[in-house]
Amino acid sequence: MCLGVPGKIIAIDNADLGTAWVEISGVRRSVSLACLLDETTEPESLIGQWTLVHVGFAMSVIDADEAQRTLQLLNEMKALEQEMDGHEIRG
């Protein structure tokens, strides 16, 4: 299963290489913008945009509402996992 995690593009890391700094739940990492850039898109135009990040690549631009909904669901899944870790499952 592949999972794209929402992150906000906060700065351009290297415009020549097409990389940017993205913040994901308070953690900043450098990611490739290769999937978002074409001959008409300047890297700087993506600053402030939300994107789905998968294995170091910004895969697509998403709107802020979708990003927040996805982050909320991921937090709920994490909470459920922590709750389940505290209970023994019997089969």
C-alpha atoms as a PDB file:
ATOM      1  CA  MET A   1       0.000   0.000   0.000  1.00  0.00           C
ATOM      2  CA  CYS A   2       1.258   3.488  -0.837  1.00  0.00           C
ATOM      3  CA  LEU A   3       0.515   6.398   1.420  1.00  0.00           C
ATOM      4  CA  GLY A   4       0.866  10.059   0.588  1.00  0.00           C
ATOM      5  CA  VAL A   5       1.155  12.296   3.630  1.00  0.00           C
ATOM      6  CA  PRO A   6       0.067  15.947   3.442  1.00  0.00           C
ATOM      7  CA  GLY A   7       2.835  18.490   3.820  1.00  0.00           C
ATOM      8  CA  LYS A   8       3.038  22.230   3.282  1.00  0.00           C
ATOM      9  CA  ILE A   9       5.722  23.596   0.967  1.00  0.00           C
ATOM     10  CA  ILE A  10       7.454  26.242   3.077  1.00  0.00           C
ATOM     11  CA  ALA A  11      10.576  27.122   1.070  1.00  0.00           C
ATOM     12  CA  ILE A  12      12.548  26.245  -2.027  1.00  0.00           C
ATOM     13  CA  ASP A  13      15.624  24.196  -1.131  1.00  0.00           C
ATOM     14  CA  ASN A  14      17.312  24.251  -4.544  1.00  0.00           C
ATOM     15  CA  ALA A  15      15.439  25.682  -7.546  1.00  0.00           C
ATOM     16  CA  ASP A  16      17.947  24.227 -10.022  1.00  0.00           C
ATOM     17  CA  LEU A  17      17.406  20.716  -8.648  1.00  0.00           C
ATOM     18  CA  GLY A  18      13.678  21.267  -8.101  1.00  0.00           C
ATOM     19  CA  THR A  19      13.675  20.548  -4.382  1.00  0.00           C
ATOM     20  CA  ALA A  20      11.751  22.249  -1.615  1.00  0.00           C
ATOM     21  CA  TRP A  21      11.383  22.172   2.157  1.00  0.00           C
ATOM     22  CA  VAL A  22       8.061  20.685   3.209  1.00  0.00           C
ATOM     23  CA  GLU A  23       6.658  20.645   6.725  1.00  0.00           C
ATOM     24  CA  ILE A  24       4.803  17.509   7.746  1.00  0.00           C
ATOM     25  CA  SER A  25       3.288  17.581  11.240  1.00  0.00           C
ATOM     26  CA  GLY A  26       6.014  19.896  12.488  1.00  0.00           C
ATOM     27  CA  VAL A  27       8.882  18.012  10.825  1.00  0.00           C
ATOM     28  CA  ARG A  28      10.717  19.665   7.940  1.00  0.00           C
ATOM     29  CA  ARG A  29      12.261  17.668   5.122  1.00  0.00           C
ATOM     30  CA  SER A  30      13.593  18.266   1.672  1.00  0.00           C
ATOM     31  CA  VAL A  31      11.505  16.736  -1.117  1.00  0.00           C
ATOM     32  CA  SER A  32      11.649  16.637  -4.891  1.00  0.00           C
ATOM     33  CA  LEU A  33       9.172  18.758  -6.836  1.00  0.00           C
ATOM     34  CA  ALA A  34       9.804  16.830 -10.074  1.00  0.00           C
ATOM     35  CA  CYS A  35       6.212  15.566 -10.254  1.00  0.00           C
ATOM     36  CA  LEU A  36       4.800  19.090  -9.840  1.00  0.00           C
ATOM     37  CA  LEU A  37       7.051  21.094 -12.127  1.00  0.00           C
ATOM     38  CA  ASP A  38       6.677  21.621 -15.844  1.00  0.00           C
ATOM     39  CA  GLU A  39       8.003  24.247 -18.220  1.00  0.00           C
ATOM     40  CA  THR A  40       5.381  26.773 -17.060  1.00  0.00           C
ATOM     41  CA  THR A  41       5.631  26.255 -13.278  1.00  0.00           C
ATOM     42  CA  GLU A  42       8.205  28.142 -11.239  1.00  0.00           C
ATOM     43  CA  PRO A  43       9.202  26.373  -8.004  1.00  0.00           C
ATOM     44  CA  GLU A  44       8.601  29.571  -5.991  1.00  0.00           C
ATOM     45  CA  SER A  45       4.942  29.576  -7.068  1.00  0.00           C
ATOM     46  CA  LEU A  46       4.415  26.424  -4.988  1.00  0.00           C
ATOM     47  CA  ILE A  47       5.435  27.987  -1.660  1.00  0.00           C
ATOM     48  CA  GLY A  48       2.456  27.858   0.702  1.00  0.00           C
ATOM     49  CA  GLN A  49       0.759  25.033  -1.219  1.00  0.00           C
ATOM     50  CA  TRP A  50      -0.176  21.713   0.349  1.00  0.00           C
ATOM     51  CA  THR A  51       1.065  18.564  -1.348  1.00  0.00           C
ATOM     52  CA  LEU A  52       0.914  14.815  -0.881  1.00  0.00           C
ATOM     53  CA  VAL A  53       4.419  13.526  -0.148  1.00  0.00           C
ATOM     54  CA  HIS A  54       5.451   9.936  -0.865  1.00  0.00           C
ATOM     55  CA  VAL A  55       9.025   8.603  -0.534  1.00  0.00           C
ATOM     56  CA  GLY A  56      10.617  12.019  -0.880  1.00  0.00           C
ATOM     57  CA  PHE A  57       8.501  13.272  -3.780  1.00  0.00           C
ATOM     58  CA  ALA A  58       5.740  15.867  -3.765  1.00  0.00           C
ATOM     59  CA  MET A  59       3.196  13.923  -5.815  1.00  0.00           C
ATOM     60  CA  SER A  60       0.311  16.373  -6.241  1.00  0.00           C
ATOM     61  CA  VAL A  61      -1.002  19.677  -4.964  1.00  0.00           C
ATOM     62  CA  ILE A  62      -4.052  19.416  -2.707  1.00  0.00           C
ATOM     63  CA  ASP A  63      -6.220  22.052  -1.080  1.00  0.00           C
ATOM     64  CA  ALA A  64      -5.844  22.979   2.587  1.00  0.00           C
ATOM     65  CA  ASP A  65      -9.182  21.408   3.592  1.00  0.00           C
ATOM     66  CA  GLU A  66      -8.241  18.056   2.081  1.00  0.00           C
ATOM     67  CA  ALA A  67      -4.839  18.233   3.781  1.00  0.00           C
ATOM     68  CA  GLN A  68      -6.427  18.906   7.187  1.00  0.00           C
ATOM     69  CA  ARG A  69      -8.986  16.095   6.763  1.00  0.00           C
ATOM     70  CA  THR A  70      -6.249  13.648   5.821  1.00  0.00           C
ATOM     71  CA  LEU A  71      -4.031  14.704   8.745  1.00  0.00           C
ATOM     72  CA  GLN A  72      -6.996  14.296  11.121  1.00  0.00           C
ATOM     73  CA  LEU A  73      -7.665  10.778   9.812  1.00  0.00           C
ATOM     74  CA  LEU A  74      -3.995   9.853  10.182  1.00  0.00           C
ATOM     75  CA  ASN A  75      -4.043  11.121  13.782  1.00  0.00           C
ATOM     76  CA  GLU A  76      -7.185   9.080  14.485  1.00  0.00           C
ATOM     77  CA  MET A  77      -5.520   5.978  13.019  1.00  0.00           C
ATOM     78  CA  LYS A  78      -2.469   6.570  15.221  1.00  0.00           C
ATOM     79  CA  ALA A  79      -4.643   6.945  18.317  1.00  0.00           C
ATOM     80  CA  LEU A  80      -6.517   3.733  17.469  1.00  0.00           C
ATOM     81  CA  GLU A  81      -3.237   1.890  16.954  1.00  0.00           C
ATOM     82  CA  GLN A  82      -1.983   3.086  20.355  1.00  0.00           C
ATOM     83  CA  GLU A  83      -5.256   2.008  21.963  1.00  0.00           C
ATOM     84  CA  MET A  84      -5.047  -1.426  20.345  1.00  0.00           C
ATOM     85  CA  ASP A  85      -1.429  -1.845  21.453  1.00  0.00           C
ATOM     86  CA  GLY A  86      -2.692  -1.703  25.031  1.00  0.00           C
ATOM     87  CA  HIS A  87      -5.162  -4.561  24.532  1.00  0.00           C
ATOM     88  CA  GLU A  88      -4.417  -8.206  23.913  1.00  0.00           C
ATOM     89  CA  ILE A  89      -6.274  -9.646  20.936  1.00  0.00           C
ATOM     90  CA  ARG A  90      -7.436 -13.232  21.408  1.00  0.00           C
ATOM     91  CA  GLY A  91      -8.365 -15.438  18.541  1.00  0.00           C
END
